[in-house]
PDB file of N, CA and C in Angstrom:
ATOM      1  N   MET A   1     -23.608   0.823   3.861  1.00  0.00           N
ATOM      2  CA  MET A   1     -22.981   1.248   2.624  1.00  0.00           C
ATOM      3  C   MET A   1     -23.491   0.292   1.495  1.00  0.00           C
ATOM      4  N   ASP A   2     -23.633   0.924   0.350  1.00  0.00           N
ATOM      5  CA  ASP A   2     -24.145   0.260  -0.831  1.00  0.00           C
ATOM      6  C   ASP A   2     -23.221  -0.896  -1.228  1.00  0.00           C
ATOM      7  N   LYS A   3     -23.780  -2.122  -1.430  1.00  0.00           N
ATOM      8  CA  LYS A   3     -22.935  -3.285  -1.795  1.00  0.00           C
ATOM      9  C   LYS A   3     -22.293  -3.082  -3.178  1.00  0.00           C
ATOM     10  N   LYS A   4     -22.912  -2.434  -4.064  1.00  0.00           N
ATOM     11  CA  LYS A   4     -22.306  -2.180  -5.375  1.00  0.00           C
ATOM     12  C   LYS A   4     -21.112  -1.335  -5.283  1.00  0.00           C
ATOM     13  N   VAL A   5     -21.126  -0.345  -4.403  1.00  0.00           N
ATOM     14  CA  VAL A   5     -19.979   0.531  -4.186  1.00  0.00           C
ATOM     15  C   VAL A   5     -18.817  -0.228  -3.588  1.00  0.00           C
ATOM     16  N   ILE A   6     -19.148  -1.117  -2.630  1.00  0.00           N
ATOM     17  CA  ILE A   6     -18.099  -1.933  -1.981  1.00  0.00           C
ATOM     18  C   ILE A   6     -17.490  -2.922  -3.006  1.00  0.00           C
ATOM     19  N   GLU A   7     -18.331  -3.435  -3.887  1.00  0.00           N
ATOM     20  CA  GLU A   7     -17.780  -4.353  -4.915  1.00  0.00           C
ATOM     21  C   GLU A   7     -16.886  -3.649  -5.874  1.00  0.00           C
ATOM     22  N   LYS A   8     -17.248  -2.445  -6.251  1.00  0.00           N
ATOM     23  CA  LYS A   8     -16.420  -1.612  -7.142  1.00  0.00           C
ATOM     24  C   LYS A   8     -15.097  -1.296  -6.443  1.00  0.00           C
ATOM     25  N   ILE A   9     -15.154  -0.922  -5.177  1.00  0.00           N
ATOM     26  CA  ILE A   9     -13.924  -0.628  -4.417  1.00  0.00           C
ATOM     27  C   ILE A   9     -13.056  -1.856  -4.345  1.00  0.00           C
ATOM     28  N   LYS A  10     -13.681  -3.000  -4.059  1.00  0.00           N
ATOM     29  CA  LYS A  10     -12.915  -4.267  -3.946  1.00  0.00           C
ATOM     30  C   LYS A  10     -12.202  -4.574  -5.219  1.00  0.00           C
ATOM     31  N   LYS A  11     -12.915  -4.382  -6.354  1.00  0.00           N
ATOM     32  CA  LYS A  11     -12.366  -4.673  -7.672  1.00  0.00           C
ATOM     33  C   LYS A  11     -11.105  -3.711  -7.920  1.00  0.00           C
ATOM     34  N   ASP A  12     -11.324  -2.463  -7.563  1.00  0.00           N
ATOM     35  CA  ASP A  12     -10.218  -1.522  -7.725  1.00  0.00           C
ATOM     36  C   ASP A  12      -9.047  -1.854  -6.879  1.00  0.00           C
ATOM     37  N   LEU A  13      -9.329  -2.241  -5.611  1.00  0.00           N
ATOM     38  CA  LEU A  13      -8.248  -2.608  -4.645  1.00  0.00           C
ATOM     39  C   LEU A  13      -7.457  -3.835  -5.168  1.00  0.00           C
ATOM     40  N   LEU A  14      -8.148  -4.827  -5.680  1.00  0.00           N
ATOM     41  CA  LEU A  14      -7.516  -5.967  -6.236  1.00  0.00           C
ATOM     42  C   LEU A  14      -6.642  -5.637  -7.469  1.00  0.00           C
ATOM     43  N   ALA A  15      -7.133  -4.772  -8.293  1.00  0.00           N
ATOM     44  CA  ALA A  15      -6.329  -4.320  -9.450  1.00  0.00           C
ATOM     45  C   ALA A  15      -5.153  -3.530  -8.981  1.00  0.00           C
ATOM     46  N   SER A  16      -5.277  -2.683  -8.028  1.00  0.00           N
ATOM     47  CA  SER A  16      -4.164  -1.988  -7.478  1.00  0.00           C
ATOM     48  C   SER A  16      -3.099  -2.903  -6.826  1.00  0.00           C
ATOM     49  N   LYS A  17      -3.589  -3.896  -6.085  1.00  0.00           N
ATOM     50  CA  LYS A  17      -2.705  -4.844  -5.459  1.00  0.00           C
ATOM     51  C   LYS A  17      -1.914  -5.606  -6.494  1.00  0.00           C
ATOM     52  N   LYS A  18      -2.552  -6.007  -7.579  1.00  0.00           N
ATOM     53  CA  LYS A  18      -1.876  -6.725  -8.640  1.00  0.00           C
ATOM     54  C   LYS A  18      -0.774  -5.884  -9.273  1.00  0.00           C
ATOM     55  N   GLN A  19      -1.070  -4.578  -9.554  1.00  0.00           N
ATOM     56  CA  GLN A  19      -0.173  -3.688 -10.181  1.00  0.00           C
ATOM     57  C   GLN A  19       1.062  -3.402  -9.219  1.00  0.00           C
ATOM     58  N   LEU A  20       0.742  -3.130  -7.958  1.00  0.00           N
ATOM     59  CA  LEU A  20       1.844  -2.908  -7.008  1.00  0.00           C
ATOM     60  C   LEU A  20       2.743  -4.109  -6.885  1.00  0.00           C
ATOM     61  N   SER A  21       2.152  -5.330  -6.862  1.00  0.00           N
ATOM     62  CA  SER A  21       2.948  -6.502  -6.779  1.00  0.00           C
ATOM     63  C   SER A  21       3.895  -6.710  -7.933  1.00  0.00           C
ATOM     64  N   GLU A  22       3.316  -6.385  -9.128  1.00  0.00           N
ATOM     65  CA  GLU A  22       4.149  -6.450 -10.349  1.00  0.00           C
ATOM     66  C   GLU A  22       5.297  -5.384 -10.292  1.00  0.00           C
ATOM     67  N   ASP A  23       4.991  -4.216  -9.850  1.00  0.00           N
ATOM     68  CA  ASP A  23       5.989  -3.152  -9.750  1.00  0.00           C
ATOM     69  C   ASP A  23       7.091  -3.594  -8.765  1.00  0.00           C
ATOM     70  N   LEU A  24       6.732  -4.176  -7.679  1.00  0.00           N
ATOM     71  CA  LEU A  24       7.767  -4.685  -6.691  1.00  0.00           C
ATOM     72  C   LEU A  24       8.614  -5.722  -7.305  1.00  0.00           C
ATOM     73  N   LYS A  25       7.976  -6.693  -8.019  1.00  0.00           N
ATOM     74  CA  LYS A  25       8.744  -7.738  -8.589  1.00  0.00           C
ATOM     75  C   LYS A  25       9.815  -7.238  -9.583  1.00  0.00           C
ATOM     76  N   SER A  26       9.576  -6.143 -10.166  1.00  0.00           N
ATOM     77  CA  SER A  26      10.506  -5.626 -11.215  1.00  0.00           C
ATOM     78  C   SER A  26      11.834  -5.250 -10.659  1.00  0.00           C
ATOM     79  N   PHE A  27      11.963  -4.946  -9.359  1.00  0.00           N
ATOM     80  CA  PHE A  27      13.355  -4.588  -8.797  1.00  0.00           C
ATOM     81  C   PHE A  27      13.579  -5.240  -7.445  1.00  0.00           C
ATOM     82  N   THR A  28      12.784  -6.169  -7.023  1.00  0.00           N
ATOM     83  CA  THR A  28      12.996  -6.872  -5.772  1.00  0.00           C
ATOM     84  C   THR A  28      12.921  -8.395  -6.002  1.00  0.00           C
ATOM     85  N   LYS A  29      13.383  -9.098  -4.987  1.00  0.00           N
ATOM     86  CA  LYS A  29      13.164 -10.544  -4.955  1.00  0.00           C
ATOM     87  C   LYS A  29      12.429 -10.876  -3.633  1.00  0.00           C
ATOM     88  N   LYS A  30      11.515 -11.813  -3.720  1.00  0.00           N
ATOM     89  CA  LYS A  30      10.734 -12.204  -2.565  1.00  0.00           C
ATOM     90  C   LYS A  30      11.596 -13.003  -1.583  1.00  0.00           C
ATOM     91  N   ASP A  31      11.455 -12.703  -0.332  1.00  0.00           N
ATOM     92  CA  ASP A  31      12.160 -13.431   0.712  1.00  0.00           C
ATOM     93  C   ASP A  31      11.443 -14.733   0.962  1.00  0.00           C
ATOM     94  N   GLU A  32      12.057 -15.854   0.749  1.00  0.00           N
ATOM     95  CA  GLU A  32      11.385 -17.145   0.864  1.00  0.00           C
ATOM     96  C   GLU A  32      11.139 -17.526   2.290  1.00  0.00           C
ATOM     97  N   HIS A  33      11.746 -16.817   3.272  1.00  0.00           N
ATOM     98  CA  HIS A  33      11.664 -17.207   4.695  1.00  0.00           C
ATOM     99  C   HIS A  33      10.508 -16.397   5.377  1.00  0.00           C
ATOM    100  N   THR A  34      10.049 -15.314   4.746  1.00  0.00           N
ATOM    101  CA  THR A  34       8.944 -14.579   5.304  1.00  0.00           C
ATOM    102  C   THR A  34       7.809 -14.492   4.311  1.00  0.00           C
ATOM    103  N   LYS A  35       6.684 -14.192   4.799  1.00  0.00           N
ATOM    104  CA  LYS A  35       5.481 -14.258   3.938  1.00  0.00           C
ATOM    105  C   LYS A  35       5.461 -13.214   2.887  1.00  0.00           C
ATOM    106  N   ASP A  36       5.594 -11.900   3.226  1.00  0.00           N
ATOM    107  CA  ASP A  36       5.353 -10.883   2.263  1.00  0.00           C
ATOM    108  C   ASP A  36       6.548  -9.949   2.008  1.00  0.00           C
ATOM    109  N   GLU A  37       7.717 -10.184   2.662  1.00  0.00           N
ATOM    110  CA  GLU A  37       8.839  -9.261   2.492  1.00  0.00           C
ATOM    111  C   GLU A  37       9.547  -9.434   1.173  1.00  0.00           C
ATOM    112  N   HIS A  38       9.903  -8.343   0.647  1.00  0.00           N
ATOM    113  CA  HIS A  38      10.702  -8.227  -0.585  1.00  0.00           C
ATOM    114  C   HIS A  38      12.067  -7.651  -0.237  1.00  0.00           C
ATOM    115  N   HIS A  39      13.027  -7.934  -1.003  1.00  0.00           N
ATOM    116  CA  HIS A  39      14.372  -7.344  -0.806  1.00  0.00           C
ATOM    117  C   HIS A  39      14.808  -6.767  -2.120  1.00  0.00           C
ATOM    118  N   THR A  40      15.214  -5.537  -2.064  1.00  0.00           N
ATOM    119  CA  THR A  40      15.680  -4.824  -3.316  1.00  0.00           C
ATOM    120  C   THR A  40      16.970  -5.502  -3.812  1.00  0.00           C
ATOM    121  N   LYS A  41      16.933  -5.787  -5.074  1.00  0.00           N
ATOM    122  CA  LYS A  41      18.071  -6.331  -5.783  1.00  0.00           C
ATOM    123  C   LYS A  41      19.188  -5.178  -5.954  1.00  0.00           C
ATOM    124  N   PHE A  42      20.433  -5.538  -5.763  1.00  0.00           N
ATOM    125  CA  PHE A  42      21.459  -4.586  -6.049  1.00  0.00           C
ATOM    126  C   PHE A  42      21.801  -4.612  -7.460  1.00  0.00           C
ATOM    127  N   PRO A  43      21.725  -3.515  -8.198  1.00  0.00           N
ATOM    128  CA  PRO A  43      22.033  -3.517  -9.679  1.00  0.00           C
ATOM    129  C   PRO A  43      23.481  -3.700  -9.917  1.00  0.00           C
ATOM    130  N   ASP A  44      23.829  -4.292 -11.021  1.00  0.00           N
ATOM    131  CA  ASP A  44      25.215  -4.480 -11.412  1.00  0.00           C
ATOM    132  C   ASP A  44      25.480  -3.934 -12.802  1.00  0.00           C
ATOM    133  N   TYR A  45      26.074  -2.720 -12.874  1.00  0.00           N
ATOM    134  CA  TYR A  45      26.360  -2.108 -14.090  1.00  0.00           C
ATOM    135  C   TYR A  45      27.823  -2.233 -14.584  1.00  0.00           C
ATOM    136  N   GLY A  46      28.660  -2.702 -13.641  1.00  0.00           N
ATOM    137  CA  GLY A  46      30.113  -2.861 -13.958  1.00  0.00           C
ATOM    138  C   GLY A  46      30.934  -2.470 -12.813  1.00  0.00           C
ATOM    139  N   ASP A  47      32.300  -2.394 -13.040  1.00  0.00           N
ATOM    140  CA  ASP A  47      33.221  -2.157 -12.021  1.00  0.00           C
ATOM    141  C   ASP A  47      33.808  -0.736 -11.963  1.00  0.00           C
ATOM    142  N   LYS A  48      33.462   0.075 -12.954  1.00  0.00           N
ATOM    143  CA  LYS A  48      34.001   1.435 -13.027  1.00  0.00           C
ATOM    144  C   LYS A  48      33.357   2.275 -11.913  1.00  0.00           C
ATOM    145  N   SER A  49      34.013   3.319 -11.474  1.00  0.00           N
ATOM    146  CA  SER A  49      33.557   4.125 -10.367  1.00  0.00           C
ATOM    147  C   SER A  49      32.200   4.841 -10.656  1.00  0.00           C
ATOM    148  N   ASP A  50      32.058   5.316 -11.915  1.00  0.00           N
ATOM    149  CA  ASP A  50      30.788   5.971 -12.274  1.00  0.00           C
ATOM    150  C   ASP A  50      29.667   4.948 -12.324  1.00  0.00           C
ATOM    151  N   GLU A  51      29.952   3.738 -12.660  1.00  0.00           N
ATOM    152  CA  GLU A  51      28.948   2.711 -12.646  1.00  0.00           C
ATOM    153  C   GLU A  51      28.596   2.293 -11.207  1.00  0.00           C
ATOM    154  N   SER A  52      29.577   2.305 -10.341  1.00  0.00           N
ATOM    155  CA  SER A  52      29.266   2.071  -8.906  1.00  0.00           C
ATOM    156  C   SER A  52      28.388   3.101  -8.305  1.00  0.00           C
ATOM    157  N   VAL A  53      28.612   4.334  -8.640  1.00  0.00           N
ATOM    158  CA  VAL A  53      27.819   5.455  -8.209  1.00  0.00           C
ATOM    159  C   VAL A  53      26.380   5.269  -8.615  1.00  0.00           C
ATOM    160  N   GLN A  54      26.256   4.898  -9.912  1.00  0.00           N
ATOM    161  CA  GLN A  54      24.909   4.741 -10.456  1.00  0.00           C
ATOM    162  C   GLN A  54      24.230   3.560  -9.760  1.00  0.00           C
ATOM    163  N   GLU A  55      24.958   2.503  -9.516  1.00  0.00           N
ATOM    164  CA  GLU A  55      24.374   1.320  -8.734  1.00  0.00           C
ATOM    165  C   GLU A  55      23.873   1.722  -7.413  1.00  0.00           C
ATOM    166  N   ILE A  56      24.658   2.459  -6.680  1.00  0.00           N
ATOM    167  CA  ILE A  56      24.298   2.913  -5.296  1.00  0.00           C
ATOM    168  C   ILE A  56      23.086   3.843  -5.374  1.00  0.00           C
ATOM    169  N   ASP A  57      23.103   4.738  -6.324  1.00  0.00           N
ATOM    170  CA  ASP A  57      21.966   5.676  -6.461  1.00  0.00           C
ATOM    171  C   ASP A  57      20.688   4.920  -6.772  1.00  0.00           C
ATOM    172  N   GLU A  58      20.720   4.000  -7.696  1.00  0.00           N
ATOM    173  CA  GLU A  58      19.541   3.235  -8.041  1.00  0.00           C
ATOM    174  C   GLU A  58      19.062   2.378  -6.888  1.00  0.00           C
ATOM    175  N   TYR A  59      19.992   1.755  -6.213  1.00  0.00           N
ATOM    176  CA  TYR A  59      19.685   0.856  -5.066  1.00  0.00           C
ATOM    177  C   TYR A  59      18.985   1.663  -3.934  1.00  0.00           C
ATOM    178  N   THR A  60      19.494   2.833  -3.575  1.00  0.00           N
ATOM    179  CA  THR A  60      18.871   3.605  -2.515  1.00  0.00           C
ATOM    180  C   THR A  60      17.462   4.108  -2.943  1.00  0.00           C
ATOM    181  N   THR A  61      17.345   4.501  -4.225  1.00  0.00           N
ATOM    182  CA  THR A  61      15.990   4.863  -4.655  1.00  0.00           C
ATOM    183  C   THR A  61      15.046   3.694  -4.567  1.00  0.00           C
ATOM    184  N   ASN A  62      15.495   2.522  -5.024  1.00  0.00           N
ATOM    185  CA  ASN A  62      14.640   1.387  -4.956  1.00  0.00           C
ATOM    186  C   ASN A  62      14.291   0.966  -3.593  1.00  0.00           C
ATOM    187  N   LEU A  63      15.246   1.128  -2.565  1.00  0.00           N
ATOM    188  CA  LEU A  63      14.897   0.776  -1.242  1.00  0.00           C
ATOM    189  C   LEU A  63      13.712   1.622  -0.779  1.00  0.00           C
ATOM    190  N   ALA A  64      13.763   2.948  -1.019  1.00  0.00           N
ATOM    191  CA  ALA A  64      12.675   3.813  -0.576  1.00  0.00           C
ATOM    192  C   ALA A  64      11.375   3.450  -1.277  1.00  0.00           C
ATOM    193  N   THR A  65      11.493   3.132  -2.588  1.00  0.00           N
ATOM    194  CA  THR A  65      10.325   2.778  -3.366  1.00  0.00           C
ATOM    195  C   THR A  65       9.693   1.491  -2.783  1.00  0.00           C
ATOM    196  N   GLU A  66      10.599   0.511  -2.451  1.00  0.00           N
ATOM    197  CA  GLU A  66      10.140  -0.787  -1.936  1.00  0.00           C
ATOM    198  C   GLU A  66       9.296  -0.535  -0.640  1.00  0.00           C
ATOM    199  N   LYS A  67       9.758   0.322   0.279  1.00  0.00           N
ATOM    200  CA  LYS A  67       9.006   0.603   1.510  1.00  0.00           C
ATOM    201  C   LYS A  67       7.657   1.211   1.202  1.00  0.00           C
ATOM    202  N   VAL A  68       7.584   2.163   0.333  1.00  0.00           N
ATOM    203  CA  VAL A  68       6.338   2.745  -0.027  1.00  0.00           C
ATOM    204  C   VAL A  68       5.363   1.767  -0.621  1.00  0.00           C
ATOM    205  N   LEU A  69       5.829   0.930  -1.552  1.00  0.00           N
ATOM    206  CA  LEU A  69       4.970  -0.061  -2.211  1.00  0.00           C
ATOM    207  C   LEU A  69       4.460  -1.105  -1.215  1.00  0.00           C
ATOM    208  N   GLU A  70       5.397  -1.600  -0.337  1.00  0.00           N
ATOM    209  CA  GLU A  70       4.982  -2.539   0.687  1.00  0.00           C
ATOM    210  C   GLU A  70       3.967  -1.959   1.657  1.00  0.00           C
ATOM    211  N   SER A  71       4.139  -0.704   2.018  1.00  0.00           N
ATOM    212  CA  SER A  71       3.137  -0.080   2.871  1.00  0.00           C
ATOM    213  C   SER A  71       1.804   0.016   2.142  1.00  0.00           C
ATOM    214  N   ALA A  72       1.779   0.388   0.875  1.00  0.00           N
ATOM    215  CA  ALA A  72       0.532   0.482   0.164  1.00  0.00           C
ATOM    216  C   ALA A  72      -0.110  -0.922   0.016  1.00  0.00           C
ATOM    217  N   LEU A  73       0.693  -1.967  -0.161  1.00  0.00           N
ATOM    218  CA  LEU A  73       0.114  -3.311  -0.260  1.00  0.00           C
ATOM    219  C   LEU A  73      -0.551  -3.742   1.130  1.00  0.00           C
ATOM    220  N   ARG A  74       0.173  -3.396   2.186  1.00  0.00           N
ATOM    221  CA  ARG A  74      -0.403  -3.676   3.557  1.00  0.00           C
ATOM    222  C   ARG A  74      -1.748  -2.982   3.746  1.00  0.00           C
ATOM    223  N   ASP A  75      -1.782  -1.671   3.316  1.00  0.00           N
ATOM    224  CA  ASP A  75      -3.071  -0.984   3.474  1.00  0.00           C
ATOM    225  C   ASP A  75      -4.175  -1.627   2.637  1.00  0.00           C
ATOM    226  N   ILE A  76      -3.817  -2.029   1.438  1.00  0.00           N
ATOM    227  CA  ILE A  76      -4.826  -2.673   0.546  1.00  0.00           C
ATOM    228  C   ILE A  76      -5.234  -4.020   1.150  1.00  0.00           C
ATOM    229  N   ASP A  77      -4.329  -4.828   1.673  1.00  0.00           N
ATOM    230  CA  ASP A  77      -4.686  -6.098   2.294  1.00  0.00           C
ATOM    231  C   ASP A  77      -5.612  -5.840   3.508  1.00  0.00           C
ATOM    232  N   ASN A  78      -5.307  -4.852   4.300  1.00  0.00           N
ATOM    233  CA  ASN A  78      -6.151  -4.536   5.477  1.00  0.00           C
ATOM    234  C   ASN A  78      -7.523  -4.168   5.043  1.00  0.00           C
ATOM    235  N   ALA A  79      -7.606  -3.349   3.979  1.00  0.00           N
ATOM    236  CA  ALA A  79      -8.957  -2.938   3.465  1.00  0.00           C
ATOM    237  C   ALA A  79      -9.742  -4.156   2.981  1.00  0.00           C
ATOM    238  N   LEU A  80      -9.042  -5.002   2.225  1.00  0.00           N
ATOM    239  CA  LEU A  80      -9.702  -6.232   1.669  1.00  0.00           C
ATOM    240  C   LEU A  80     -10.144  -7.154   2.834  1.00  0.00           C
ATOM    241  N   ALA A  81      -9.378  -7.232   3.920  1.00  0.00           N
ATOM    242  CA  ALA A  81      -9.762  -7.945   5.082  1.00  0.00           C
ATOM    243  C   ALA A  81     -10.959  -7.431   5.728  1.00  0.00           C
ATOM    244  N   ARG A  82     -11.080  -6.097   5.827  1.00  0.00           N
ATOM    245  CA  ARG A  82     -12.258  -5.467   6.373  1.00  0.00           C
ATOM    246  C   ARG A  82     -13.463  -5.684   5.527  1.00  0.00           C
ATOM    247  N   ILE A  83     -13.292  -5.726   4.208  1.00  0.00           N
ATOM    248  CA  ILE A  83     -14.458  -6.047   3.354  1.00  0.00           C
ATOM    249  C   ILE A  83     -14.923  -7.443   3.625  1.00  0.00           C
ATOM    250  N   THR A  84     -14.003  -8.383   3.718  1.00  0.00           N
ATOM    251  CA  THR A  84     -14.325  -9.733   3.991  1.00  0.00           C
ATOM    252  C   THR A  84     -15.072  -9.987   5.321  1.00  0.00           C
ATOM    253  N   LYS A  85     -14.575  -9.215   6.356  1.00  0.00           N
ATOM    254  CA  LYS A  85     -15.220  -9.324   7.669  1.00  0.00           C
ATOM    255  C   LYS A  85     -16.506  -8.558   7.815  1.00  0.00           C
ATOM    256  N   GLY A  86     -16.794  -7.673   6.843  1.00  0.00           N
ATOM    257  CA  GLY A  86     -18.009  -6.889   6.871  1.00  0.00           C
ATOM    258  C   GLY A  86     -17.855  -5.653   7.715  1.00  0.00           C
ATOM    259  N   THR A  87     -16.626  -5.226   7.977  1.00  0.00           N
ATOM    260  CA  THR A  87     -16.386  -4.019   8.780  1.00  0.00           C
ATOM    261  C   THR A  87     -15.856  -2.867   7.963  1.00  0.00           C
ATOM    262  N   TYR A  88     -15.793  -3.072   6.635  1.00  0.00           N
ATOM    263  CA  TYR A  88     -15.300  -2.055   5.709  1.00  0.00           C
ATOM    264  C   TYR A  88     -16.202  -0.824   5.791  1.00  0.00           C
ATOM    265  N   GLY A  89     -15.616   0.375   5.863  1.00  0.00           N
ATOM    266  CA  GLY A  89     -16.426   1.579   5.810  1.00  0.00           C
ATOM    267  C   GLY A  89     -16.833   2.024   7.126  1.00  0.00           C
ATOM    268  N   ILE A  90     -16.388   1.375   8.208  1.00  0.00           N
ATOM    269  CA  ILE A  90     -16.691   1.785   9.593  1.00  0.00           C
ATOM    270  C   ILE A  90     -15.386   2.282  10.223  1.00  0.00           C
ATOM    271  N   CYS A  91     -15.484   3.525  10.794  1.00  0.00           N
ATOM    272  CA  CYS A  91     -14.330   4.149  11.416  1.00  0.00           C
ATOM    273  C   CYS A  91     -13.814   3.370  12.602  1.00  0.00           C
ATOM    274  N   LYS A  92     -12.535   3.118  12.656  1.00  0.00           N
ATOM    275  CA  LYS A  92     -11.989   2.269  13.748  1.00  0.00           C
ATOM    276  C   LYS A  92     -11.997   2.950  15.093  1.00  0.00           C
ATOM    277  N   TYR A  93     -12.287   4.297  15.115  1.00  0.00           N
ATOM    278  CA  TYR A  93     -12.322   5.033  16.360  1.00  0.00           C
ATOM    279  C   TYR A  93     -13.674   5.292  16.917  1.00  0.00           C
ATOM    280  N   CYS A  94     -14.493   5.899  16.081  1.00  0.00           N
ATOM    281  CA  CYS A  94     -15.902   6.320  16.495  1.00  0.00           C
ATOM    282  C   CYS A  94     -16.960   5.264  16.140  1.00  0.00           C
ATOM    283  N   LYS A  95     -16.585   4.306  15.261  1.00  0.00           N
ATOM    284  CA  LYS A  95     -17.453   3.246  14.836  1.00  0.00           C
ATOM    285  C   LYS A  95     -18.647   3.702  13.977  1.00  0.00           C
ATOM    286  N   LYS A  96     -18.546   4.976  13.454  1.00  0.00           N
ATOM    287  CA  LYS A  96     -19.533   5.465  12.592  1.00  0.00           C
ATOM    288  C   LYS A  96     -19.147   5.173  11.137  1.00  0.00           C
ATOM    289  N   GLU A  97     -20.086   5.268  10.256  1.00  0.00           N
ATOM    290  CA  GLU A  97     -19.812   4.952   8.835  1.00  0.00           C
ATOM    291  C   GLU A  97     -18.885   6.048   8.268  1.00  0.00           C
ATOM    292  N   ILE A  98     -17.945   5.604   7.447  1.00  0.00           N
ATOM    293  CA  ILE A  98     -17.069   6.519   6.748  1.00  0.00           C
ATOM    294  C   ILE A  98     -17.781   6.913   5.480  1.00  0.00           C
ATOM    295  N   GLY A  99     -17.668   8.211   5.141  1.00  0.00           N
ATOM    296  CA  GLY A  99     -18.372   8.710   3.945  1.00  0.00           C
ATOM    297  C   GLY A  99     -17.998   8.053   2.678  1.00  0.00           C
ATOM    298  N   GLU A 100     -18.964   7.770   1.812  1.00  0.00           N
ATOM    299  CA  GLU A 100     -18.700   7.105   0.502  1.00  0.00           C
ATOM    300  C   GLU A 100     -17.678   7.864  -0.302  1.00  0.00           C
ATOM    301  N   LYS A 101     -17.792   9.255  -0.349  1.00  0.00           N
ATOM    302  CA  LYS A 101     -16.877  10.026  -1.095  1.00  0.00           C
ATOM    303  C   LYS A 101     -15.415   9.814  -0.576  1.00  0.00           C
ATOM    304  N   ARG A 102     -15.195   9.778   0.720  1.00  0.00           N
ATOM    305  CA  ARG A 102     -13.914   9.557   1.254  1.00  0.00           C
ATOM    306  C   ARG A 102     -13.324   8.189   0.806  1.00  0.00           C
ATOM    307  N   LEU A 103     -14.190   7.151   0.864  1.00  0.00           N
ATOM    308  CA  LEU A 103     -13.767   5.814   0.506  1.00  0.00           C
ATOM    309  C   LEU A 103     -13.471   5.695  -1.029  1.00  0.00           C
ATOM    310  N   MET A 104     -14.220   6.447  -1.775  1.00  0.00           N
ATOM    311  CA  MET A 104     -13.959   6.409  -3.259  1.00  0.00           C
ATOM    312  C   MET A 104     -12.646   7.119  -3.550  1.00  0.00           C
ATOM    313  N   ALA A 105     -12.354   8.186  -2.754  1.00  0.00           N
ATOM    314  CA  ALA A 105     -11.086   8.867  -2.977  1.00  0.00           C
ATOM    315  C   ALA A 105      -9.902   8.139  -2.401  1.00  0.00           C
ATOM    316  N   ARG A 106     -10.109   7.552  -1.211  1.00  0.00           N
ATOM    317  CA  ARG A 106      -9.084   6.776  -0.509  1.00  0.00           C
ATOM    318  C   ARG A 106      -9.652   5.461  -0.019  1.00  0.00           C
ATOM    319  N   PRO A 107      -9.630   4.475  -0.862  1.00  0.00           N
ATOM    320  CA  PRO A 107     -10.333   3.225  -0.528  1.00  0.00           C
ATOM    321  C   PRO A 107      -9.734   2.472   0.654  1.00  0.00           C
ATOM    322  N   VAL A 108      -8.502   2.806   1.047  1.00  0.00           N
ATOM    323  CA  VAL A 108      -7.894   2.093   2.220  1.00  0.00           C
ATOM    324  C   VAL A 108      -8.156   2.813   3.517  1.00  0.00           C
ATOM    325  N   ALA A 109      -8.890   3.911   3.461  1.00  0.00           N
ATOM    326  CA  ALA A 109      -9.144   4.659   4.714  1.00  0.00           C
ATOM    327  C   ALA A 109      -9.868   3.817   5.706  1.00  0.00           C
ATOM    328  N   ASN A 110      -9.384   3.952   6.970  1.00  0.00           N
ATOM    329  CA  ASN A 110     -10.108   3.191   8.038  1.00  0.00           C
ATOM    330  C   ASN A 110     -10.598   4.115   9.180  1.00  0.00           C
ATOM    331  N   THR A 111     -10.561   5.507   8.877  1.00  0.00           N
ATOM    332  CA  THR A 111     -11.093   6.463   9.817  1.00  0.00           C
ATOM    333  C   THR A 111     -11.952   7.426   8.996  1.00  0.00           C
ATOM    334  N   CYS A 112     -12.933   7.980   9.758  1.00  0.00           N
ATOM    335  CA  CYS A 112     -13.761   8.992   9.118  1.00  0.00           C
ATOM    336  C   CYS A 112     -12.969  10.314   9.114  1.00  0.00           C
ATOM    337  N   ILE A 113     -13.489  11.326   8.411  1.00  0.00           N
ATOM    338  CA  ILE A 113     -12.791  12.566   8.250  1.00  0.00           C
ATOM    339  C   ILE A 113     -12.687  13.265   9.652  1.00  0.00           C
ATOM    340  N   ALA A 114     -13.778  13.229  10.426  1.00  0.00           N
ATOM    341  CA  ALA A 114     -13.730  13.855  11.726  1.00  0.00           C
ATOM    342  C   ALA A 114     -12.630  13.330  12.667  1.00  0.00           C
ATOM    343  N   CYS A 115     -12.524  11.997  12.692  1.00  0.00           N
ATOM    344  CA  CYS A 115     -11.480  11.313  13.555  1.00  0.00           C
ATOM    345  C   CYS A 115     -10.110  11.606  12.989  1.00  0.00           C
ATOM    346  N   LYS A 116      -9.968  11.527  11.686  1.00  0.00           N
ATOM    347  CA  LYS A 116      -8.665  11.832  11.050  1.00  0.00           C
ATOM    348  C   LYS A 116      -8.164  13.258  11.355  1.00  0.00           C
ATOM    349  N   THR A 117      -9.126  14.192  11.284  1.00  0.00           N
ATOM    350  CA  THR A 117      -8.837  15.579  11.589  1.00  0.00           C
ATOM    351  C   THR A 117      -8.349  15.758  12.969  1.00  0.00           C
ATOM    352  N   LYS A 118      -9.075  15.096  13.976  1.00  0.00           N
ATOM    353  CA  LYS A 118      -8.641  15.151  15.379  1.00  0.00           C
ATOM    354  C   LYS A 118      -7.245  14.566  15.585  1.00  0.00           C
ATOM    355  N   LEU A 119      -6.984  13.435  14.925  1.00  0.00           N
ATOM    356  CA  LEU A 119      -5.659  12.828  15.018  1.00  0.00           C
ATOM    357  C   LEU A 119      -4.550  13.692  14.494  1.00  0.00           C
ATOM    358  N   GLN A 120      -4.785  14.324  13.412  1.00  0.00           N
ATOM    359  CA  GLN A 120      -3.805  15.210  12.841  1.00  0.00           C
ATOM    360  C   GLN A 120      -3.553  16.434  13.670  1.00  0.00           C
ATOM    361  N   LYS A 121      -4.532  16.966  14.339  1.00  0.00           N
ATOM    362  CA  LYS A 121      -4.413  18.081  15.225  1.00  0.00           C
ATOM    363  C   LYS A 121      -3.602  17.744  16.446  1.00  0.00           C
ATOM    364  N   MET A 122      -3.687  16.513  16.871  1.00  0.00           N
ATOM    365  CA  MET A 122      -2.998  16.035  18.073  1.00  0.00           C
ATOM    366  C   MET A 122      -1.483  15.751  17.799  1.00  0.00           C
ATOM    367  N   ALA A 123      -1.181  15.531  16.488  1.00  0.00           N
ATOM    368  CA  ALA A 123       0.215  15.197  16.150  1.00  0.00           C
ATOM    369  C   ALA A 123       1.121  16.418  16.033  1.00  0.00           C
TER     370      ALA A 123
END
């Protein structure tokens, strides 16, 4: 795979990682006892019942968002680790090169289209 393409993807991944981390910080606090876990803050709008409902609604929405963002960060970290190891762009199943178009569209991909299609048919 072309080194310039990999460098562009790496730059994009790092920018995405920074943005996702900032997004997470806006409604979570980092757990000091674990490396990367965040915990959603419970909002406090007041003691009235309608405010409590709003707090619970926002909290549950933020919990789901936290899981999605953490998953995306893990995918980015894994892709960056593959770049560092020199295994980026190689399918983890068939060991063939993943197409450049696929990686440009989904930089965290670790399977080629053929293997991904087979996996989806099995599920």
